[in-house]
Structure formats: C-alpha cells, structure tokens
Amino acid sequence: MSFKQKVLIFSSELLKKTIRIFGKRRESQILAFLTEYLPPYVTQKTKFGKIVFFCPGVIPEWRAHTLLTKEPETIEWIDSFKGISKN
C-alpha cells in the first residue's frame, strides 16, 4: 500500500470518527450530503469527446483512469467507427 493510500485511509477514518460525534441521525445526513455532493465520477477525454464514468469503488475508478491505455487494438477499432447516418 502506498503512502498516499495510507494517508487517505487514515483521513477517511478520522473523518468518519469526527462525524460520529454528531450522533447517528446527523451522521447519516452528513454522509448522504457528502455522497451527493462528492460523487465518484471520472472524466476521460477522447478524440470524439468526453466520457464520464460513475465509479462507486476503487476498482471502477482505476479502470476509468486506465481505460484508454489498455487494449490499444480495441481502442483503435472503436476509433475507426464511422458516424451513424441520419438517412
């Protein structure tokens, strides 16, 4: 585990313990607020525009960040698609 991950985990635990001071009802309200206003989204720029991914966990977040570096043949194939005709 990297130093950054350890600091993030420590900070998260400290935040959770601090929020618990306000009581169960307030705790759930604060966590709901944080969840709503700090959504786990990752935006990737492509040559066709932006793609926004909802990432409710560490693995989906990692995949969203590494999406365009994995399987370059597949990305090249997708990039070769022509636009859909409106005829």
Protein backbone atom coordinates (compact mmCIF):
# COMPACT_ATOMS: atom_id res chain seq x y z
CA MET A 1 0.00 0.00 0.00
CA SER A 2 1.40 3.39 -0.97
CA PHE A 3 1.92 6.28 1.41
CA LYS A 4 -0.86 8.25 -0.32
CA GLN A 5 -3.28 5.36 0.17
CA LYS A 6 -2.35 5.10 3.85
CA VAL A 7 -2.90 8.84 4.34
CA LEU A 8 -6.25 8.66 2.52
CA ILE A 9 -7.42 5.72 4.64
CA PHE A 10 -6.28 7.44 7.85
CA SER A 11 -8.03 10.68 6.82
CA SER A 12 -11.22 8.80 5.94
CA GLU A 13 -11.27 7.01 9.28
CA LEU A 14 -10.63 10.29 11.10
CA LEU A 15 -13.48 11.96 9.19
CA LYS A 16 -15.86 9.09 10.00
CA LYS A 17 -14.99 9.27 13.72
CA THR A 18 -15.43 13.05 13.70
CA ILE A 19 -18.84 12.76 12.03
CA ARG A 20 -19.96 10.20 14.64
CA ILE A 21 -19.67 12.91 17.30
CA PHE A 22 -22.85 14.48 15.88
CA GLY A 23 -24.95 11.38 16.60
CA LYS A 24 -26.48 8.67 14.41
CA ARG A 25 -29.12 10.83 12.72
CA ARG A 26 -26.71 13.64 11.86
CA GLU A 27 -24.06 11.10 10.85
CA SER A 28 -26.29 9.63 8.16
CA GLN A 29 -27.32 13.11 6.97
CA ILE A 30 -23.70 14.25 6.67
CA LEU A 31 -22.68 11.07 4.84
CA ALA A 32 -25.65 11.42 2.47
CA PHE A 33 -24.64 15.03 1.79
CA LEU A 34 -21.04 14.03 1.07
CA THR A 35 -22.19 11.21 -1.19
CA GLU A 36 -24.45 13.55 -3.14
CA TYR A 37 -22.01 16.44 -3.47
CA LEU A 38 -18.79 14.46 -3.88
CA PRO A 39 -19.86 11.87 -6.44
CA PRO A 40 -17.22 9.42 -7.67
CA TYR A 41 -17.05 10.41 -11.33
CA VAL A 42 -14.05 10.17 -13.66
CA THR A 43 -14.00 12.05 -16.96
CA GLN A 44 -11.87 10.80 -19.85
CA LYS A 45 -11.23 12.86 -22.96
CA THR A 46 -11.30 11.02 -26.27
CA LYS A 47 -10.88 12.26 -29.80
CA PHE A 48 -14.70 12.12 -30.11
CA GLY A 49 -15.46 14.00 -26.90
CA LYS A 50 -15.65 13.32 -23.18
CA ILE A 51 -16.83 10.14 -21.50
CA VAL A 52 -17.96 10.37 -17.87
CA PHE A 53 -17.82 7.23 -15.72
CA PHE A 54 -19.63 6.67 -12.43
CA CYS A 55 -17.11 4.93 -10.16
CA PRO A 56 -18.63 3.64 -6.92
CA GLY A 57 -15.43 1.85 -5.87
CA VAL A 58 -11.65 1.72 -6.13
CA ILE A 59 -11.57 -0.81 -8.99
CA PRO A 60 -14.08 1.01 -11.25
CA GLU A 61 -12.23 4.26 -10.56
CA TRP A 62 -8.90 2.67 -11.52
CA ARG A 63 -10.42 1.16 -14.69
CA ALA A 64 -11.87 4.52 -15.72
CA HIS A 65 -8.45 6.15 -15.36
CA THR A 66 -6.64 3.38 -17.28
CA LEU A 67 -9.34 2.71 -19.88
CA LEU A 68 -7.60 4.32 -22.84
CA THR A 69 -4.22 2.74 -22.06
CA LYS A 70 -5.48 -0.85 -22.00
CA GLU A 71 -6.17 -2.99 -25.06
CA PRO A 72 -4.91 -0.47 -27.65
CA GLU A 73 -6.19 -2.64 -30.53
CA THR A 74 -9.73 -2.43 -29.20
CA ILE A 75 -9.47 1.34 -28.73
CA GLU A 76 -8.13 1.68 -32.29
CA TRP A 77 -11.02 -0.46 -33.58
CA ILE A 78 -13.59 1.68 -31.74
CA ASP A 79 -11.92 4.85 -33.04
CA SER A 80 -12.39 3.56 -36.59
CA PHE A 81 -16.20 3.55 -36.31
CA LYS A 82 -17.92 5.92 -38.71
CA GLY A 83 -20.70 8.24 -37.54
CA ILE A 84 -24.26 6.95 -37.79
CA SER A 85 -26.02 8.22 -40.90
CA LYS A 86 -29.30 10.09 -40.39
CA ASN A 87 -30.73 8.91 -43.75
